[in-house]
């Protein structure tokens, strides 16, 4: 175990140790005590340079994260899944959700601002499970599993660090059951990133091509699920265009399915689709949430109205500046490209006028995956990209 592995392993163990000493002492449970004992044992293993420490930490973090998410009961504190359920019922009855006036949005009659990829995800989940309201909890568990699956690519200690951070960040566990769709949106995009990383890492050409095309399909689905994912996709495509001659096949394999999901609804009712999906992005016109404008208003309440009209222009300028910086400093590997995409999303959210915590929840698993892949392969993917360049 290298020095970097030991540092990553110890960093992963710190949240587990905090979890182990927390909880209800009046009614102690095996999960907290087990995490405490396991973290102590793994600390010793990491300091003694034992290889098993990384794998044990990864297994413990994954187990605790799954346990915590299974404890939470899905509820509908947010109106997003209520509206999605209503949209699916409208669609099942032969109607167009983007022509429908919704009764379950808060307040009623608000736009349904989610592209058809979101309906496809929850519609498929409803067919498999009979209910859409527990799907984000499963997606939250799926995020942990996908991060753990990066172990063969980046090593167990780094994968353990990502899983530990995701597993024990309370906001990620809470959002998976609060009735929003951001956990599921992050899951689809995370799967796309992990599959692409696998395409670079696997040595079998046929398996690599399957992973390549499956990743492209998943990224297309992610874009058709939530539009903000397009910024991460853009950063990944720029990286591929700079490092691979066949990058256009990836674009075709992703944008083609995204268009196939979306265009039928656009043709069905162009005005309704525009009013819901496009104009719906602008439904929040007030300054609110965790962004620079909310911070400014907290220190200078009178400045809120004074800066409101300038917010969109500043947000666009910040996004363009972030994009320019990413362009001028090319990503060295896939992880770096994902981190650049997260930086673009960060600029969008930090300088937007309405930023709820679920937006950051969507970014968090991708950010962790980017860190793992960037640090796990700091020499770059290009040295082995020829493995999958066969057409």
Protein backbone atom coordinates (compact mmCIF):
# COMPACT_ATOMS: atom_id res chain seq x y z
CA UNK A 1 0.00 0.00 0.00
CA UNK A 2 1.54 3.28 -1.13
CA UNK A 3 1.60 6.47 0.91
CA UNK A 4 -1.23 7.90 -1.22
CA UNK A 5 -3.29 4.76 -0.65
CA UNK A 6 -2.77 5.00 3.11
CA UNK A 7 -3.84 8.65 3.12
CA UNK A 8 -6.95 7.86 1.07
CA UNK A 9 -7.80 4.93 3.31
CA UNK A 10 -7.42 6.95 6.52
CA UNK A 11 -9.47 9.79 5.00
CA UNK A 12 -12.22 7.27 4.22
CA UNK A 13 -12.09 5.90 7.75
CA UNK A 14 -12.59 9.26 9.47
CA UNK A 15 -16.30 9.59 8.51
CA UNK A 16 -16.81 5.93 9.49
CA UNK A 17 -15.23 6.58 12.86
CA UNK A 18 -17.51 9.59 13.34
CA UNK A 19 -20.49 7.43 12.43
CA UNK A 20 -19.38 4.74 14.86
CA UNK A 21 -19.28 7.09 17.85
CA UNK A 22 -22.60 8.74 16.93
CA UNK A 23 -26.12 7.38 17.15
CA UNK A 24 -28.54 6.71 19.99
CA UNK A 25 -26.66 5.52 23.08
CA UNK A 26 -29.92 4.62 24.84
CA UNK A 27 -30.67 2.10 22.11
CA UNK A 28 -27.29 1.07 20.64
CA UNK A 29 -27.38 -0.78 17.36
CA UNK A 30 -25.01 -3.16 15.65
CA UNK A 31 -24.39 -0.83 12.70
CA UNK A 32 -22.76 1.93 14.75
CA UNK A 33 -20.80 -0.44 16.96
CA UNK A 34 -19.73 -2.51 13.96
CA UNK A 35 -18.58 0.62 12.10
CA UNK A 36 -16.60 1.73 15.16
CA UNK A 37 -14.83 -1.61 15.57
CA UNK A 38 -14.22 -1.96 11.84
CA UNK A 39 -12.78 1.54 11.54
CA UNK A 40 -10.39 0.91 14.43
CA UNK A 41 -9.22 -2.33 12.83
CA UNK A 42 -8.84 -0.74 9.41
CA UNK A 43 -6.89 2.18 10.87
CA UNK A 44 -4.36 -0.32 12.15
CA UNK A 45 -4.27 -2.10 8.82
CA UNK A 46 -3.76 1.11 6.87
CA UNK A 47 -0.94 2.30 9.14
CA UNK A 48 0.68 -1.13 8.83
CA UNK A 49 0.50 -0.90 5.02
CA UNK A 50 -1.86 -3.87 4.78
CA UNK A 51 -3.57 -4.15 1.41
CA UNK A 52 -6.72 -5.58 2.92
CA UNK A 53 -7.39 -2.33 4.79
CA UNK A 54 -8.56 -0.55 1.63
CA UNK A 55 -10.95 -3.33 0.66
CA UNK A 56 -12.28 -3.67 4.21
CA UNK A 57 -12.85 0.08 4.45
CA UNK A 58 -14.66 0.05 1.10
CA UNK A 59 -16.90 -2.84 2.21
CA UNK A 60 -17.68 -1.18 5.53
CA UNK A 61 -18.50 2.19 3.95
CA UNK A 62 -20.75 0.53 1.38
CA UNK A 63 -22.56 -1.51 4.02
CA UNK A 64 -23.17 1.51 6.26
CA UNK A 65 -24.38 3.62 3.33
CA UNK A 66 -26.84 0.96 2.18
CA UNK A 67 -28.03 0.45 5.75
CA UNK A 68 -28.68 4.15 6.29
CA UNK A 69 -30.65 4.46 3.06
CA UNK A 70 -32.76 1.40 3.80
CA UNK A 71 -33.66 2.91 7.17
CA UNK A 72 -35.24 5.93 5.50
CA UNK A 73 -38.86 5.61 4.38
CA UNK A 74 -39.70 7.41 1.12
CA UNK A 75 -42.10 10.28 1.50
CA UNK A 76 -43.41 13.10 -0.66
CA UNK A 77 -42.05 16.23 0.94
CA UNK A 78 -41.22 17.50 -2.54
CA UNK A 79 -43.77 17.90 -5.33
CA UNK A 80 -41.48 16.62 -8.10
CA UNK A 81 -42.34 12.93 -7.88
CA UNK A 82 -45.98 13.73 -7.25
CA UNK A 83 -46.03 15.63 -10.54
CA UNK A 84 -44.06 12.85 -12.25
CA UNK A 85 -46.60 10.29 -11.05
CA UNK A 86 -49.39 12.49 -12.41
CA UNK A 87 -47.53 12.84 -15.73
CA UNK A 88 -47.18 9.07 -16.04
CA UNK A 89 -50.89 8.61 -15.37
CA UNK A 90 -51.70 11.17 -18.06
CA UNK A 91 -49.37 9.38 -20.48
CA UNK A 92 -50.87 5.97 -19.65
CA UNK A 93 -54.29 7.37 -20.48
CA UNK A 94 -53.08 8.48 -23.91
CA UNK A 95 -52.56 12.15 -23.05
CA UNK A 96 -49.55 14.39 -23.47
CA UNK A 97 -48.01 15.39 -20.10
CA UNK A 98 -46.65 18.57 -21.68
CA UNK A 99 -50.17 19.64 -22.69
CA UNK A 100 -51.59 18.87 -19.27
CA UNK A 101 -52.31 21.32 -16.43
CA UNK A 102 -50.92 19.73 -13.28
CA UNK A 103 -52.84 19.55 -10.02
CA UNK A 104 -50.00 18.16 -7.86
CA UNK A 105 -47.38 20.84 -8.42
CA UNK A 106 -46.85 23.44 -5.71
CA UNK A 107 -48.69 25.62 -6.47
CA UNK A 108 -51.04 23.80 -8.88
CA UNK A 109 -50.63 24.65 -12.53
CA UNK A 110 -46.85 25.03 -12.43
CA UNK A 111 -44.87 23.76 -15.47
CA UNK A 112 -43.59 20.20 -15.59
CA UNK A 113 -39.98 21.11 -16.28
CA UNK A 114 -38.51 17.64 -16.79
CA UNK A 115 -37.67 16.19 -20.21
CA UNK A 116 -39.03 12.81 -21.36
CA UNK A 117 -35.94 10.95 -20.14
CA UNK A 118 -37.21 11.50 -16.62
CA UNK A 119 -40.56 9.98 -17.55
CA UNK A 120 -38.78 7.04 -19.18
CA UNK A 121 -36.76 6.37 -16.02
CA UNK A 122 -39.70 6.46 -13.64
CA UNK A 123 -42.03 4.76 -16.09
CA UNK A 124 -39.63 1.84 -16.42
CA UNK A 125 -39.15 1.78 -12.66
CA UNK A 126 -42.89 1.72 -12.15
CA UNK A 127 -43.21 -1.28 -14.44
CA UNK A 128 -40.50 -3.12 -12.49
CA UNK A 129 -41.47 -2.15 -8.93
CA UNK A 130 -45.07 -0.96 -9.18
CA UNK A 131 -44.28 2.37 -7.50
CA UNK A 132 -42.06 5.33 -8.36
CA UNK A 133 -41.69 6.77 -4.85
CA UNK A 134 -38.95 4.39 -3.72
CA UNK A 135 -36.87 4.60 -6.87
CA UNK A 136 -34.64 7.45 -5.72
CA UNK A 137 -33.73 5.51 -2.59
CA UNK A 138 -32.65 2.64 -4.85
CA UNK A 139 -30.79 5.13 -7.02
CA UNK A 140 -29.01 6.44 -3.92
CA UNK A 141 -27.87 2.90 -3.14
CA UNK A 142 -26.96 2.51 -6.80
CA UNK A 143 -24.72 5.58 -6.60
CA UNK A 144 -22.77 3.94 -3.77
CA UNK A 145 -22.46 0.69 -5.71
CA UNK A 146 -21.24 2.48 -8.86
CA UNK A 147 -18.65 4.44 -6.87
CA UNK A 148 -17.50 1.17 -5.28
CA UNK A 149 -17.27 -0.38 -8.76
CA UNK A 150 -14.49 2.10 -9.58
CA UNK A 151 -12.25 0.04 -7.29
CA UNK A 152 -10.60 -2.03 -10.08
CA UNK A 153 -9.83 1.17 -11.99
CA UNK A 154 -8.67 3.54 -9.26
CA UNK A 155 -7.88 1.23 -6.36
CA UNK A 156 -9.76 0.30 -3.21
CA UNK A 157 -8.59 3.21 -0.98
CA UNK A 158 -9.78 5.93 -3.38
CA UNK A 159 -13.03 4.10 -4.06
CA UNK A 160 -13.51 3.72 -0.31
CA UNK A 161 -12.96 7.45 0.16
CA UNK A 162 -15.68 8.28 -2.38
CA UNK A 163 -18.13 5.73 -0.99
CA UNK A 164 -17.49 6.81 2.61
CA UNK A 165 -18.12 10.47 1.78
CA UNK A 166 -21.28 9.68 -0.19
CA UNK A 167 -22.57 7.15 2.30
CA UNK A 168 -22.27 9.39 5.34
CA UNK A 169 -23.29 12.75 3.91
CA UNK A 170 -26.70 13.18 5.45
CA UNK A 171 -28.08 15.44 2.74
CA UNK A 172 -27.45 12.76 0.09
CA UNK A 173 -29.33 10.14 2.12
CA UNK A 174 -32.19 12.54 2.90
CA UNK A 175 -32.63 13.72 -0.69
CA UNK A 176 -32.98 10.11 -1.83
CA UNK A 177 -36.31 9.95 0.01
CA UNK A 178 -37.63 13.52 -0.05
CA UNK A 179 -39.60 13.20 -3.27
CA UNK A 180 -37.17 14.94 -5.63
CA UNK A 181 -35.59 13.36 -8.72
CA UNK A 182 -32.01 14.61 -8.39
CA UNK A 183 -30.64 11.40 -6.89
CA UNK A 184 -31.95 9.41 -9.85
CA UNK A 185 -30.61 12.01 -12.28
CA UNK A 186 -27.15 11.75 -10.74
CA UNK A 187 -27.34 7.94 -10.87
CA UNK A 188 -27.94 7.81 -14.63
CA UNK A 189 -25.06 10.23 -15.30
CA UNK A 190 -22.77 8.41 -12.86
CA UNK A 191 -23.43 5.11 -14.63
CA UNK A 192 -22.44 6.76 -17.91
CA UNK A 193 -19.16 8.01 -16.45
CA UNK A 194 -18.33 4.67 -14.81
CA UNK A 195 -19.03 2.74 -18.02
CA UNK A 196 -16.77 5.07 -19.99
CA UNK A 197 -14.03 4.65 -17.40
CA UNK A 198 -14.46 0.89 -17.77
CA UNK A 199 -14.18 1.19 -21.54
CA UNK A 200 -10.77 2.82 -21.10
CA UNK A 201 -9.59 0.31 -18.50
CA UNK A 202 -10.71 -3.04 -19.89
CA UNK A 203 -8.26 -4.91 -22.10
CA UNK A 204 -10.72 -6.88 -24.19
CA UNK A 205 -11.56 -4.86 -27.32
CA UNK A 206 -15.07 -6.25 -27.71
CA UNK A 207 -15.94 -5.60 -24.06
CA UNK A 208 -14.49 -2.12 -24.36
CA UNK A 209 -16.69 -1.29 -27.34
CA UNK A 210 -19.80 -2.56 -25.51
CA UNK A 211 -18.95 -0.34 -22.54
CA UNK A 212 -18.25 2.59 -24.88
CA UNK A 213 -21.64 2.41 -26.59
CA UNK A 214 -23.51 1.64 -23.37
CA UNK A 215 -21.92 4.67 -21.75
CA UNK A 216 -22.95 6.82 -24.69
CA UNK A 217 -26.53 5.55 -24.40
CA UNK A 218 -26.57 6.26 -20.65
CA UNK A 219 -25.22 9.78 -21.15
CA UNK A 220 -27.90 10.45 -23.74
CA UNK A 221 -30.50 9.26 -21.27
CA UNK A 222 -28.99 11.48 -18.55
CA UNK A 223 -29.23 14.55 -20.80
CA UNK A 224 -32.83 13.71 -21.65
CA UNK A 225 -33.50 13.28 -17.92
CA UNK A 226 -32.18 16.64 -16.68
CA UNK A 227 -30.76 19.32 -18.94
CA UNK A 228 -28.03 20.47 -16.55
CA UNK A 229 -26.23 17.15 -17.13
CA UNK A 230 -25.36 18.47 -20.58
CA UNK A 231 -22.58 20.58 -19.02
CA UNK A 232 -20.81 17.48 -17.68
CA UNK A 233 -21.42 15.75 -21.00
CA UNK A 234 -19.91 18.70 -22.87
CA UNK A 235 -16.72 18.57 -20.81
CA UNK A 236 -16.42 14.82 -21.40
CA UNK A 237 -16.97 15.22 -25.16
CA UNK A 238 -14.30 17.94 -25.35
CA UNK A 239 -11.89 15.58 -23.60
CA UNK A 240 -12.76 12.75 -26.00
CA UNK A 241 -12.40 15.06 -29.02
CA UNK A 242 -8.90 15.98 -27.87
CA UNK A 243 -7.77 12.43 -27.13
CA UNK A 244 -9.64 10.01 -29.40
CA UNK A 245 -10.20 9.90 -33.15
CA UNK A 246 -13.55 8.12 -32.81
CA UNK A 247 -15.15 10.63 -30.44
CA UNK A 248 -17.91 11.37 -32.96
CA UNK A 249 -19.27 7.84 -32.51
CA UNK A 250 -19.76 8.62 -28.83
CA UNK A 251 -21.64 11.81 -29.67
CA UNK A 252 -23.82 9.89 -32.13
CA UNK A 253 -24.44 7.14 -29.58
CA UNK A 254 -25.55 9.64 -26.94
CA UNK A 255 -27.34 12.45 -28.77
CA UNK A 256 -29.16 10.00 -31.05
CA UNK A 257 -31.01 8.24 -28.18
CA UNK A 258 -31.57 11.57 -26.40
CA UNK A 259 -33.24 12.94 -29.52
CA UNK A 260 -35.24 9.72 -29.99
CA UNK A 261 -36.68 10.09 -26.49
CA UNK A 262 -37.36 13.81 -26.75
CA UNK A 263 -38.42 14.64 -30.31
CA UNK A 264 -41.74 12.73 -30.32
CA UNK A 265 -42.98 14.94 -27.47
CA UNK A 266 -41.66 18.07 -29.18
CA UNK A 267 -43.57 17.17 -32.35
CA UNK A 268 -46.65 16.16 -30.38
CA UNK A 269 -47.06 19.62 -28.83
CA UNK A 270 -44.20 22.08 -29.55
CA UNK A 271 -45.81 24.93 -27.62
CA UNK A 272 -46.60 22.76 -24.61
CA UNK A 273 -43.11 21.29 -24.57
CA UNK A 274 -41.57 24.76 -24.74
CA UNK A 275 -43.85 26.10 -22.00
CA UNK A 276 -43.02 23.24 -19.65
CA UNK A 277 -39.47 22.09 -20.28
CA UNK A 278 -37.82 25.26 -21.58
CA UNK A 279 -39.77 28.08 -19.94
CA UNK A 280 -40.17 25.93 -16.85
CA UNK A 281 -36.47 26.39 -16.13
CA UNK A 282 -37.19 30.06 -15.49
CA UNK A 283 -40.16 29.54 -13.15
CA UNK A 284 -38.15 30.65 -10.11
CA UNK A 285 -37.60 34.38 -10.51
CA UNK A 286 -36.73 35.23 -6.91
CA UNK A 287 -33.28 35.15 -5.28
CA UNK A 288 -33.13 32.19 -2.93
CA UNK A 289 -30.85 29.42 -1.79
CA UNK A 290 -27.15 28.73 -1.54
CA UNK A 291 -25.63 31.07 -4.09
CA UNK A 292 -23.66 34.31 -4.08
CA UNK A 293 -26.83 36.37 -4.36
CA UNK A 294 -28.40 34.77 -1.33
CA UNK A 295 -25.22 35.46 0.62
CA UNK A 296 -25.21 39.06 -0.57
CA UNK A 297 -28.83 39.49 0.47
CA UNK A 298 -28.04 38.07 3.91
CA UNK A 299 -25.42 40.76 4.52
CA UNK A 300 -27.16 43.54 2.62
CA UNK A 301 -30.92 42.89 2.41
CA UNK A 302 -31.50 46.02 0.37
CA UNK A 303 -29.18 44.76 -2.35
CA UNK A 304 -31.51 41.91 -3.35
CA UNK A 305 -33.77 44.02 -5.54
CA UNK A 306 -30.88 46.14 -6.83
CA UNK A 307 -28.95 43.17 -8.26
CA UNK A 308 -31.90 41.00 -9.35
CA UNK A 309 -32.00 42.22 -12.94
CA UNK A 310 -28.27 41.66 -13.40
CA UNK A 311 -28.25 38.08 -12.11
CA UNK A 312 -28.91 36.27 -15.42
CA UNK A 313 -26.17 38.21 -17.22
CA UNK A 314 -23.66 37.59 -14.45
CA UNK A 315 -24.57 33.90 -14.34
CA UNK A 316 -24.02 33.52 -18.09
CA UNK A 317 -20.74 35.41 -17.87
CA UNK A 318 -19.57 33.20 -14.99
CA UNK A 319 -20.48 30.08 -16.95
CA UNK A 320 -18.61 31.30 -20.02
CA UNK A 321 -15.57 32.20 -17.91
CA UNK A 322 -15.55 28.75 -16.32
CA UNK A 323 -15.87 27.15 -19.76
CA UNK A 324 -13.00 29.27 -21.10
CA UNK A 325 -10.75 28.26 -18.20
CA UNK A 326 -11.60 24.59 -18.76
CA UNK A 327 -10.85 24.97 -22.47
CA UNK A 328 -7.49 26.63 -21.79
CA UNK A 329 -6.48 23.91 -19.31
CA UNK A 330 -7.28 20.58 -21.02
CA UNK A 331 -8.26 17.66 -18.81
CA UNK A 332 -5.48 15.09 -18.47
CA UNK A 333 -7.87 12.19 -18.04
CA UNK A 334 -11.55 11.29 -17.82
CA UNK A 335 -11.70 12.18 -14.14
CA UNK A 336 -10.38 15.64 -14.89
CA UNK A 337 -13.02 16.08 -17.60
CA UNK A 338 -15.79 15.11 -15.17
CA UNK A 339 -14.42 17.60 -12.63
CA UNK A 340 -14.46 20.30 -15.29
CA UNK A 341 -18.11 19.50 -15.98
CA UNK A 342 -18.82 19.77 -12.25
CA UNK A 343 -17.06 23.15 -12.25
CA UNK A 344 -19.41 24.34 -14.99
CA UNK A 345 -22.39 23.17 -12.96
CA UNK A 346 -20.92 24.89 -9.92
CA UNK A 347 -20.73 28.18 -11.81
CA UNK A 348 -24.33 27.76 -12.92
CA UNK A 349 -25.58 27.04 -9.41
CA UNK A 350 -23.43 29.51 -7.47
CA UNK A 351 -24.35 32.43 -9.71
CA UNK A 352 -27.96 31.41 -10.39
CA UNK A 353 -30.69 33.27 -8.58
CA UNK A 354 -32.52 30.18 -7.22
CA UNK A 355 -30.39 27.28 -5.97
CA UNK A 356 -31.83 24.55 -3.81
CA UNK A 357 -29.72 21.88 -2.10
CA UNK A 358 -30.92 19.13 -4.42
CA UNK A 359 -28.98 20.75 -7.25
CA UNK A 360 -25.77 20.12 -5.35
CA UNK A 361 -26.93 16.60 -4.52
CA UNK A 362 -27.08 15.94 -8.25
CA UNK A 363 -23.46 17.05 -8.63
CA UNK A 364 -21.96 15.37 -5.55
CA UNK A 365 -21.67 11.74 -6.80
CA UNK A 366 -20.22 12.95 -10.11
CA UNK A 367 -17.72 15.12 -8.24
CA UNK A 368 -16.62 12.17 -6.12
CA UNK A 369 -16.27 9.96 -9.21
CA UNK A 370 -14.23 12.67 -10.91
CA UNK A 371 -11.87 12.90 -7.95
CA UNK A 372 -11.44 9.12 -7.81
CA UNK A 373 -10.77 8.80 -11.54
CA UNK A 374 -8.49 11.85 -11.68
CA UNK A 375 -6.33 10.74 -8.75
CA UNK A 376 -6.50 7.07 -9.68
CA UNK A 377 -5.08 7.72 -13.13
CA UNK A 378 -3.03 10.89 -12.97
CA UNK A 379 -0.97 9.72 -15.92
CA UNK A 380 -4.00 10.03 -18.17
CA UNK A 381 -6.16 7.65 -20.14
CA UNK A 382 -4.41 8.29 -23.43
CA UNK A 383 -1.72 5.70 -22.91
CA UNK A 384 -4.26 2.93 -23.08
CA UNK A 385 -6.99 4.52 -25.17
CA UNK A 386 -5.70 2.66 -28.24
CA UNK A 387 -7.28 -0.46 -26.74
CA UNK A 388 -10.73 0.77 -27.66
CA UNK A 389 -9.91 2.78 -30.78
CA UNK A 390 -10.56 -0.16 -33.10
CA UNK A 391 -13.62 0.59 -35.16
